Amino acid sequence: MASLTGAASRLLPAARLTVSRATARLYFSSSSVSPLKCPKSSPLLSHVFRYQKQSLVRVSSGSFSTVASAKSAASDPDQLKSAREDIKELLNTKFCHPILVRLGWHDAGTYNKNIEEWPQRGGANGSLRFEVELKHGANAGLVNALKLLQPIKDKYSAVTYADLFQLASATAIEEAGGPKIPMKYGRMDVSVPEQCPEEGRLPDAGPPSPAAHLRDVFYRMGLNDKEIVALSGAHTLGRSRPERSGWGKPETKYTKDGPGAPGGQSWTVQWLKFDNSYFKDIKEKRDNDLLVLPTDAVLFEDPSFKEYAEKYAVDQDAFFKDYAEAHASLSNLGAKFDPPQGFSI
């Protein structure tokens, strides 16, 4: 989507999966937060995984209590509301809207509608907090999102990772000027790394056949052409960093001074504002400092995709409506809710 962004059951034809590890890293808008070192050696991850190991034997350990969150099931509504306010403050100070959107999308985007069992089917289940999944090529840099959300998870131990990731993603869209997302909560967390999906379920930025690749990935999730194009519009936020994805320039006139860590190449001029600029800029292709990936360009080349892309380029209200519905659908993929119908806040 905006780069939705990886890889899990190798459901795509082998020919379409023969992409480099670098090109698989982009999907979903890139972060404005400065990158850390390799996830495996990150001090943050050592801290996070220490908490996770403790939680397996100490259910009352509070923050990062993976077993506790799975068994207590639904998040606490009051804690979710308070966490949302803390996320808003985080956004106002760190300008981290893009990476929080990407985190939620990448946790949900591993869903396979052809698998009934939870959590084997993937989706929004908090599995992205584990090192094995963070090391997937498509998730490069997302350790920074965990670093940002760690204090909030510590503070609100009755909020599951799965809910926190989706809450952060939706709040980031709304705070950037986007539509109100009709979210529901109560997602259960997986409890051990062995429940993570295999690598390969997320979109690639530069496949040989972009339209076919997008359909292979998103149809597997149960999404349609309209949802593919609407979700792609979230690339109005964020930047691609070549050191993470292999795509984009090291910096442009729009990114050299930040906000946040400088650098990268954005899809739009105002890359922290959610609007329909992405569709306008992709259609015009007049600015070499703006990024256009193969999976972006195809939205105005494929006849079915083009119908929606042309519409969104001239009608922001239509884009906002369709985007809000698509984002909500994506955030629910594969989730196991308690109560089963979920709840709103």
Protein backbone atom coordinates (compact mmCIF):
# COMPACT_ATOMS: atom_id res chain seq x y z
CA MET A 1 0.00 0.00 0.00
CA ALA A 2 0.90 2.84 0.58
CA SER A 3 2.95 0.02 0.70
CA LEU A 4 1.26 -2.65 2.62
CA THR A 5 3.34 -3.83 2.77
CA GLY A 6 5.81 -9.26 3.30
CA ALA A 7 5.83 -12.97 3.22
CA ALA A 8 4.33 -15.86 5.08
CA SER A 9 3.03 -18.96 3.44
CA ARG A 10 4.67 -18.64 0.06
CA LEU A 11 1.26 -18.67 -1.54
CA LEU A 12 2.35 -16.55 -4.48
CA PRO A 13 3.78 -18.24 -7.56
CA ALA A 14 7.51 -18.72 -7.24
CA ALA A 15 8.22 -16.41 -10.16
CA ARG A 16 6.53 -13.56 -8.36
CA LEU A 17 8.48 -14.10 -5.22
CA THR A 18 11.89 -13.88 -6.82
CA VAL A 19 12.53 -10.38 -5.54
CA SER A 20 15.45 -9.14 -3.55
CA ARG A 21 15.33 -8.86 0.22
CA ALA A 22 15.86 -5.13 -0.19
CA THR A 23 12.86 -4.58 -2.42
CA ALA A 24 10.62 -6.47 -0.06
CA ARG A 25 11.17 -3.98 2.72
CA LEU A 26 9.10 -1.06 1.62
CA TYR A 27 5.46 -1.77 1.62
CA PHE A 28 3.65 0.64 3.82
CA SER A 29 4.96 4.07 4.28
CA SER A 30 8.37 4.49 5.79
CA SER A 31 9.16 6.06 9.13
CA SER A 32 10.24 9.54 10.07
CA VAL A 33 12.07 8.09 13.06
CA SER A 34 15.81 7.58 12.87
CA PRO A 35 16.72 3.93 12.18
CA LEU A 36 18.28 1.74 14.83
CA LYS A 37 20.83 -0.95 14.21
CA CYS A 38 20.01 -4.44 13.05
CA PRO A 39 17.00 -5.73 15.02
CA LYS A 40 18.94 -8.68 16.31
CA SER A 41 21.51 -6.48 18.03
CA SER A 42 19.18 -3.68 19.11
CA PRO A 43 19.29 -2.76 22.82
CA LEU A 44 15.58 -2.09 22.50
CA LEU A 45 14.85 -5.59 21.33
CA SER A 46 16.92 -7.05 24.11
CA HIS A 47 14.72 -5.09 26.51
CA VAL A 48 11.51 -6.08 24.78
CA PHE A 49 12.38 -9.75 24.49
CA ARG A 50 13.52 -9.85 28.11
CA TYR A 51 10.05 -8.69 29.11
CA GLN A 52 8.47 -11.25 26.80
CA LYS A 53 10.46 -14.11 28.30
CA GLN A 54 9.60 -12.95 31.81
CA SER A 55 5.93 -12.83 30.94
CA LEU A 56 5.91 -16.48 29.95
CA VAL A 57 6.61 -17.44 33.55
CA ARG A 58 5.26 -14.39 35.35
CA VAL A 59 1.80 -13.55 34.16
CA SER A 60 1.66 -10.65 36.59
CA SER A 61 4.80 -8.99 35.23
CA GLY A 62 2.76 -6.14 33.77
CA SER A 63 4.12 -4.62 30.58
CA PHE A 64 4.82 -6.93 27.67
CA SER A 65 2.93 -9.74 29.39
CA THR A 66 2.32 -11.92 26.36
CA VAL A 67 0.69 -14.79 28.21
CA ALA A 68 -1.43 -12.46 30.29
CA SER A 69 -2.69 -10.58 27.26
CA ALA A 70 -3.64 -13.79 25.46
CA LYS A 71 -5.53 -15.23 28.44
CA SER A 72 -7.23 -12.03 29.56
CA ALA A 73 -8.29 -11.58 25.94
CA ALA A 74 -10.02 -8.27 25.39
CA SER A 75 -8.24 -5.05 26.18
CA ASP A 76 -9.63 -2.76 28.83
CA PRO A 77 -11.73 0.00 27.14
CA ASP A 78 -10.68 2.71 29.59
CA GLN A 79 -7.01 1.87 29.14
CA LEU A 80 -7.46 1.95 25.36
CA LYS A 81 -8.95 5.43 25.58
CA SER A 82 -6.07 6.64 27.71
CA ALA A 83 -3.55 4.97 25.42
CA ARG A 84 -5.09 6.81 22.47
CA GLU A 85 -4.42 10.14 24.17
CA ASP A 86 -0.82 9.14 24.82
CA ILE A 87 -0.45 8.14 21.16
CA LYS A 88 -1.73 11.56 20.10
CA GLU A 89 0.93 13.20 22.24
CA LEU A 90 3.56 10.91 20.78
CA LEU A 91 2.49 11.90 17.28
CA ASN A 92 2.66 15.58 18.15
CA THR A 93 6.21 15.31 19.45
CA LYS A 94 7.83 12.60 17.31
CA PHE A 95 6.04 13.05 13.95
CA CYS A 96 5.91 9.28 13.68
CA HIS A 97 2.58 8.95 11.85
CA PRO A 98 3.96 6.91 8.90
CA ILE A 99 5.75 4.22 10.88
CA LEU A 100 2.78 3.69 13.20
CA VAL A 101 0.51 3.20 10.19
CA ARG A 102 3.03 0.75 8.76
CA LEU A 103 3.24 -1.19 12.02
CA GLY A 104 -0.52 -1.77 12.16
CA TRP A 105 -0.69 -2.69 8.49
CA HIS A 106 2.19 -5.15 8.65
CA ASP A 107 0.75 -6.92 11.66
CA ALA A 108 -2.62 -7.32 9.92
CA GLY A 109 -1.38 -7.82 6.36
CA THR A 110 -0.13 -11.37 6.85
CA TYR A 111 -3.71 -12.69 6.84
CA ASN A 112 -4.56 -15.65 4.61
CA LYS A 113 -8.30 -16.09 4.08
CA ASN A 114 -7.73 -19.67 2.96
CA ILE A 115 -6.60 -20.73 6.43
CA GLU A 116 -9.34 -20.94 9.08
CA GLU A 117 -7.31 -21.70 12.18
CA TRP A 118 -6.11 -18.91 14.48
CA PRO A 119 -3.33 -17.88 14.64
CA GLN A 120 -2.04 -19.86 11.65
CA ARG A 121 -4.13 -17.63 9.39
CA GLY A 122 -2.02 -14.60 10.35
CA GLY A 123 -3.48 -11.14 10.64
CA ALA A 124 -3.84 -8.63 13.47
CA ASN A 125 -2.68 -10.71 16.40
CA GLY A 126 0.35 -8.85 17.79
CA SER A 127 2.87 -11.33 16.38
CA LEU A 128 4.98 -8.53 14.91
CA ARG A 129 6.42 -7.81 18.34
CA PHE A 130 8.55 -10.96 18.15
CA GLU A 131 12.08 -10.86 16.79
CA VAL A 132 11.54 -13.62 14.25
CA GLU A 133 8.87 -11.57 12.47
CA LEU A 134 10.61 -8.23 12.93
CA LYS A 135 13.54 -9.68 11.00
CA HIS A 136 11.39 -10.27 7.90
CA GLY A 137 12.68 -8.11 5.08
CA ALA A 138 9.42 -6.20 4.70
CA ASN A 139 9.57 -5.15 8.36
CA ALA A 140 12.94 -3.40 8.26
CA GLY A 141 12.89 -0.41 10.59
CA LEU A 142 9.74 -1.36 12.47
CA VAL A 143 11.79 -1.90 15.62
CA ASN A 144 11.58 1.91 15.84
CA ALA A 145 7.81 1.70 16.12
CA LEU A 146 8.12 -0.76 18.99
CA LYS A 147 10.52 1.60 20.69
CA LEU A 148 8.01 4.42 20.40
CA LEU A 149 5.09 2.37 21.72
CA GLN A 150 6.97 0.53 24.47
CA PRO A 151 6.32 3.16 27.19
CA ILE A 152 2.61 3.15 26.34
CA LYS A 153 2.45 -0.65 26.51
CA ASP A 154 4.29 -0.51 29.84
CA LYS A 155 1.79 2.01 31.16
CA TYR A 156 -1.34 0.19 29.95
CA SER A 157 -0.74 -3.49 30.58
CA ALA A 158 -4.42 -4.36 29.99
CA VAL A 159 -4.13 -3.39 26.32
CA THR A 160 -3.07 -6.17 23.95
CA TYR A 161 -0.31 -5.65 21.42
CA ALA A 162 -2.74 -6.42 18.61
CA ASP A 163 -5.10 -3.67 19.75
CA LEU A 164 -2.29 -1.21 20.46
CA PHE A 165 -0.80 -1.63 16.98
CA GLN A 166 -4.17 -1.04 15.30
CA LEU A 167 -5.10 1.81 17.65
CA ALA A 168 -1.81 3.55 16.86
CA SER A 169 -2.27 3.07 13.12
CA ALA A 170 -5.82 4.46 13.02
CA THR A 171 -4.97 7.34 15.36
CA ALA A 172 -2.02 8.30 13.17
CA ILE A 173 -4.27 8.55 10.11
CA GLU A 174 -6.84 10.65 11.96
CA GLU A 175 -4.26 12.97 13.55
CA ALA A 176 -2.65 13.57 10.14
CA GLY A 177 -5.94 14.99 8.88
CA GLY A 178 -7.40 11.77 7.53
CA PRO A 179 -10.86 10.30 8.03
CA LYS A 180 -12.22 8.83 11.25
CA ILE A 181 -11.68 5.08 11.06
CA PRO A 182 -14.62 2.93 12.30
CA MET A 183 -12.43 0.77 14.53
CA LYS A 184 -13.33 -2.02 16.92
CA TYR A 185 -11.15 -3.58 19.60
CA GLY A 186 -10.77 -6.71 21.69
CA ARG A 187 -8.09 -8.47 19.60
CA MET A 188 -6.26 -11.32 21.29
CA ASP A 189 -2.48 -11.67 21.13
CA VAL A 190 -0.48 -14.67 20.11
CA SER A 191 1.77 -15.72 22.96
CA VAL A 192 4.95 -17.27 21.50
CA PRO A 193 7.24 -16.61 18.50
CA GLU A 194 6.33 -19.98 17.01
CA GLN A 195 2.90 -18.51 16.23
CA CYS A 196 4.38 -15.90 13.88
CA PRO A 197 3.61 -16.28 10.15
CA GLU A 198 6.36 -17.30 7.78
CA GLU A 199 8.04 -14.61 5.73
CA GLY A 200 6.55 -13.72 2.34
CA ARG A 201 2.97 -12.57 2.88
CA LEU A 202 3.41 -8.81 2.49
CA PRO A 203 3.54 -6.84 -0.78
CA ASP A 204 6.73 -6.05 -2.63
CA ALA A 205 7.42 -2.58 -4.00
CA GLY A 206 8.90 -3.59 -7.35
CA PRO A 207 7.64 -6.96 -8.60
CA PRO A 208 7.91 -7.93 -12.29
CA SER A 209 4.13 -7.70 -12.73
CA PRO A 210 2.89 -5.04 -10.27
CA ALA A 211 -0.85 -5.38 -10.89
CA ALA A 212 -0.82 -9.17 -10.68
CA HIS A 213 1.35 -9.06 -7.58
CA LEU A 214 -0.94 -6.63 -5.77
CA ARG A 215 -3.95 -8.77 -6.58
CA ASP A 216 -2.19 -11.96 -5.52
CA VAL A 217 -1.35 -10.46 -2.13
CA PHE A 218 -4.53 -8.52 -1.38
CA TYR A 219 -6.96 -11.03 -2.82
CA ARG A 220 -5.35 -13.56 -0.48
CA MET A 221 -6.42 -11.24 2.33
CA GLY A 222 -9.95 -11.08 0.95
CA LEU A 223 -9.65 -7.49 -0.29
CA ASN A 224 -10.73 -6.16 -3.70
CA ASP A 225 -9.46 -3.71 -6.32
CA LYS A 226 -11.17 -0.70 -4.75
CA GLU A 227 -9.61 -1.49 -1.38
CA ILE A 228 -6.19 -2.00 -2.96
CA VAL A 229 -6.28 1.46 -4.53
CA ALA A 230 -7.78 3.18 -1.48
CA LEU A 231 -5.19 1.67 0.84
CA SER A 232 -2.42 2.64 -1.57
CA GLY A 233 -3.47 6.23 -0.93
CA ALA A 234 -1.92 6.04 2.53
CA HIS A 235 1.39 6.59 0.76
CA THR A 236 0.45 10.20 1.02
CA LEU A 237 2.21 9.80 4.38
CA GLY A 238 5.83 8.94 4.89
CA ARG A 239 9.08 8.38 3.05
CA SER A 240 11.03 5.52 1.58
CA ARG A 241 14.56 5.15 2.94
CA PRO A 242 16.98 3.41 0.58
CA GLU A 243 18.98 1.92 3.45
CA ARG A 244 15.86 0.00 4.50
CA SER A 245 14.02 -0.71 1.28
CA GLY A 246 16.47 -0.21 -1.56
CA TRP A 247 14.11 2.40 -3.02
CA GLY A 248 14.14 6.18 -3.07
CA LYS A 249 16.74 8.91 -2.74
CA PRO A 250 18.83 9.48 0.39
CA GLU A 251 17.14 12.88 0.71
CA THR A 252 15.16 15.46 -1.28
CA LYS A 253 14.26 19.09 -0.87
CA TYR A 254 11.12 17.92 0.93
CA THR A 255 12.87 15.63 3.42
CA LYS A 256 16.35 17.01 4.07
CA ASP A 257 15.21 19.03 7.08
CA GLY A 258 12.80 16.53 8.64
CA PRO A 259 10.60 16.79 10.69
CA GLY A 260 11.88 13.83 12.59
CA ALA A 261 15.09 12.31 11.30
CA PRO A 262 15.93 13.93 7.94
CA GLY A 263 16.25 12.01 4.70
CA GLY A 264 14.45 9.59 2.46
CA GLN A 265 12.15 10.28 -0.48
CA SER A 266 8.46 11.00 -0.02
CA TRP A 267 5.53 10.29 -2.31
CA THR A 268 4.04 13.74 -1.64
CA VAL A 269 5.26 17.22 -0.78
CA GLN A 270 3.47 17.39 2.58
CA TRP A 271 4.28 13.87 3.67
CA LEU A 272 2.80 14.21 7.16
CA LYS A 273 -0.59 15.36 5.86
CA PHE A 274 -3.22 12.80 4.93
CA ASP A 275 -5.13 13.89 1.84
CA ASN A 276 -5.49 12.82 -1.80
CA SER A 277 -2.18 14.34 -2.93
CA TYR A 278 -0.75 10.89 -3.60
CA PHE A 279 -3.17 10.26 -6.44
CA LYS A 280 -2.65 13.72 -7.92
CA ASP A 281 1.13 13.49 -7.78
CA ILE A 282 1.33 9.93 -9.09
CA LYS A 283 -0.91 10.86 -12.01
CA GLU A 284 1.10 13.96 -12.95
CA LYS A 285 4.63 12.60 -12.35
CA ARG A 286 6.02 16.11 -12.68
CA ASP A 287 8.38 16.19 -9.72
CA ASN A 288 11.54 14.08 -9.70
CA ASP A 289 11.86 14.59 -5.96
CA LEU A 290 8.64 12.63 -5.39
CA LEU A 291 8.71 8.85 -5.36
CA VAL A 292 6.76 6.69 -7.81
CA LEU A 293 7.20 2.95 -7.36
CA PRO A 294 6.09 0.33 -9.89
CA THR A 295 3.19 -0.52 -7.56
CA ASP A 296 2.23 3.17 -7.52
CA ALA A 297 2.42 3.76 -11.25
CA VAL A 298 0.29 0.70 -12.02
CA LEU A 299 -2.69 2.30 -10.29
CA PHE A 300 -3.06 4.57 -13.33
CA GLU A 301 -2.15 1.87 -15.85
CA ASP A 302 -4.34 -1.09 -14.92
CA PRO A 303 -7.93 -0.43 -16.17
CA SER A 304 -9.67 -1.56 -12.97
CA PHE A 305 -7.26 0.21 -10.62
CA LYS A 306 -7.32 3.35 -12.78
CA GLU A 307 -11.08 3.78 -12.34
CA TYR A 308 -10.63 4.32 -8.61
CA ALA A 309 -7.32 6.20 -8.81
CA GLU A 310 -8.78 8.75 -11.23
CA LYS A 311 -11.80 9.18 -8.96
CA TYR A 312 -9.70 9.73 -5.84
CA ALA A 313 -7.44 12.23 -7.60
CA VAL A 314 -10.39 14.60 -8.07
CA ASP A 315 -12.68 13.64 -5.17
CA GLN A 316 -11.03 13.62 -1.75
CA ASP A 317 -14.31 12.95 0.03
CA ALA A 318 -14.76 9.74 -1.96
CA PHE A 319 -11.20 8.73 -1.16
CA PHE A 320 -11.66 9.39 2.56
CA LYS A 321 -14.87 7.35 2.66
CA ASP A 322 -13.41 4.37 0.86
CA TYR A 323 -10.12 4.58 2.71
CA ALA A 324 -11.78 4.57 6.15
CA GLU A 325 -13.75 1.45 5.25
CA ALA A 326 -10.73 -0.32 3.77
CA HIS A 327 -8.48 0.55 6.71
CA ALA A 328 -11.05 -0.80 9.18
CA SER A 329 -11.38 -4.01 7.17
CA LEU A 330 -7.61 -4.46 7.04
CA SER A 331 -7.26 -3.87 10.79
CA ASN A 332 -9.69 -6.71 11.53
CA LEU A 333 -8.12 -9.32 9.25
CA GLY A 334 -7.39 -12.58 11.01
CA ALA A 335 -8.10 -11.13 14.44
CA LYS A 336 -9.67 -13.20 17.19
CA PHE A 337 -11.93 -10.94 19.26
CA ASP A 338 -13.13 -11.24 22.83
CA PRO A 339 -16.00 -10.44 23.01
CA PRO A 340 -16.45 -12.12 19.61
CA GLN A 341 -18.07 -9.03 18.09
CA GLY A 342 -15.39 -6.70 19.47
CA PHE A 343 -16.15 -3.32 21.00
CA SER A 344 -15.69 0.34 20.16
CA ILE A 345 -14.23 3.12 22.28
